[in-house]
Amino acid sequence: MKYMGGKRNVKKRDAGDKIFGTMILLVFLVAILTWFLGSVLGF
């Protein structure tokens, strides 16, 4: 991402990082659940 000075852009970037982090966390949880169900059910 390009940095263009200004507090507004910094806030927007921080919000994007939070959303990105949440997405990674969700994907991680889904992967664990899928692996757990696969192990239990024998997929």
C-alpha atoms as a PDB file:
ATOM      1  CA  MET A   1       0.000   0.000   0.000  1.00  0.00           C
ATOM      2  CA  LYS A   2       1.241   3.486  -0.804  1.00  0.00           C
ATOM      3  CA  TYR A   3       1.491   5.897   2.099  1.00  0.00           C
ATOM      4  CA  MET A   4      -0.055   9.270   1.273  1.00  0.00           C
ATOM      5  CA  GLY A   5       0.346  11.588   4.332  1.00  0.00           C
ATOM      6  CA  GLY A   6      -2.705  12.517   6.340  1.00  0.00           C
ATOM      7  CA  LYS A   7      -4.390  11.221   9.467  1.00  0.00           C
ATOM      8  CA  ARG A   8      -7.487  10.116   7.556  1.00  0.00           C
ATOM      9  CA  ASN A   9      -5.453   7.721   5.413  1.00  0.00           C
ATOM     10  CA  VAL A  10      -3.635   6.389   8.474  1.00  0.00           C
ATOM     11  CA  LYS A  11      -6.941   5.614  10.184  1.00  0.00           C
ATOM     12  CA  LYS A  12      -8.230   3.965   7.022  1.00  0.00           C
ATOM     13  CA  ARG A  13      -5.083   1.840   6.818  1.00  0.00           C
ATOM     14  CA  ASP A  14      -5.403   0.796  10.479  1.00  0.00           C
ATOM     15  CA  ALA A  15      -9.034  -0.222   9.917  1.00  0.00           C
ATOM     16  CA  GLY A  16      -7.930  -2.242   6.883  1.00  0.00           C
ATOM     17  CA  ASP A  17      -5.270  -3.995   8.971  1.00  0.00           C
ATOM     18  CA  LYS A  18      -7.891  -4.888  11.595  1.00  0.00           C
ATOM     19  CA  ILE A  19     -10.225  -6.302   8.914  1.00  0.00           C
ATOM     20  CA  PHE A  20      -7.304  -8.211   7.358  1.00  0.00           C
ATOM     21  CA  GLY A  21      -6.326  -9.638  10.744  1.00  0.00           C
ATOM     22  CA  THR A  22      -9.916 -10.675  11.438  1.00  0.00           C
ATOM     23  CA  MET A  23     -10.112 -12.403   8.047  1.00  0.00           C
ATOM     24  CA  ILE A  24      -6.898 -14.341   8.779  1.00  0.00           C
ATOM     25  CA  LEU A  25      -8.280 -15.341  12.189  1.00  0.00           C
ATOM     26  CA  LEU A  26     -11.558 -16.540  10.632  1.00  0.00           C
ATOM     27  CA  VAL A  27      -9.733 -18.564   7.973  1.00  0.00           C
ATOM     28  CA  PHE A  28      -7.520 -20.050  10.701  1.00  0.00           C
ATOM     29  CA  LEU A  29     -10.545 -21.046  12.805  1.00  0.00           C
ATOM     30  CA  VAL A  30     -12.321 -22.549   9.788  1.00  0.00           C
ATOM     31  CA  ALA A  31      -9.186 -24.545   8.937  1.00  0.00           C
ATOM     32  CA  ILE A  32      -8.987 -25.893  12.507  1.00  0.00           C
ATOM     33  CA  LEU A  33     -12.693 -26.789  12.523  1.00  0.00           C
ATOM     34  CA  THR A  34     -12.373 -28.518   9.151  1.00  0.00           C
ATOM     35  CA  TRP A  35      -9.323 -30.490  10.344  1.00  0.00           C
ATOM     36  CA  PHE A  36     -11.053 -31.384  13.628  1.00  0.00           C
ATOM     37  CA  LEU A  37     -14.236 -32.583  11.893  1.00  0.00           C
ATOM     38  CA  GLY A  38     -12.142 -34.461   9.340  1.00  0.00           C
ATOM     39  CA  SER A  39     -10.202 -36.211  12.100  1.00  0.00           C
ATOM     40  CA  VAL A  40     -13.318 -37.125  14.086  1.00  0.00           C
ATOM     41  CA  LEU A  41     -15.429 -38.210  11.123  1.00  0.00           C
ATOM     42  CA  GLY A  42     -12.520 -39.774   9.240  1.00  0.00           C
ATOM     43  CA  PHE A  43     -12.658 -37.710   6.043  1.00  0.00           C
END
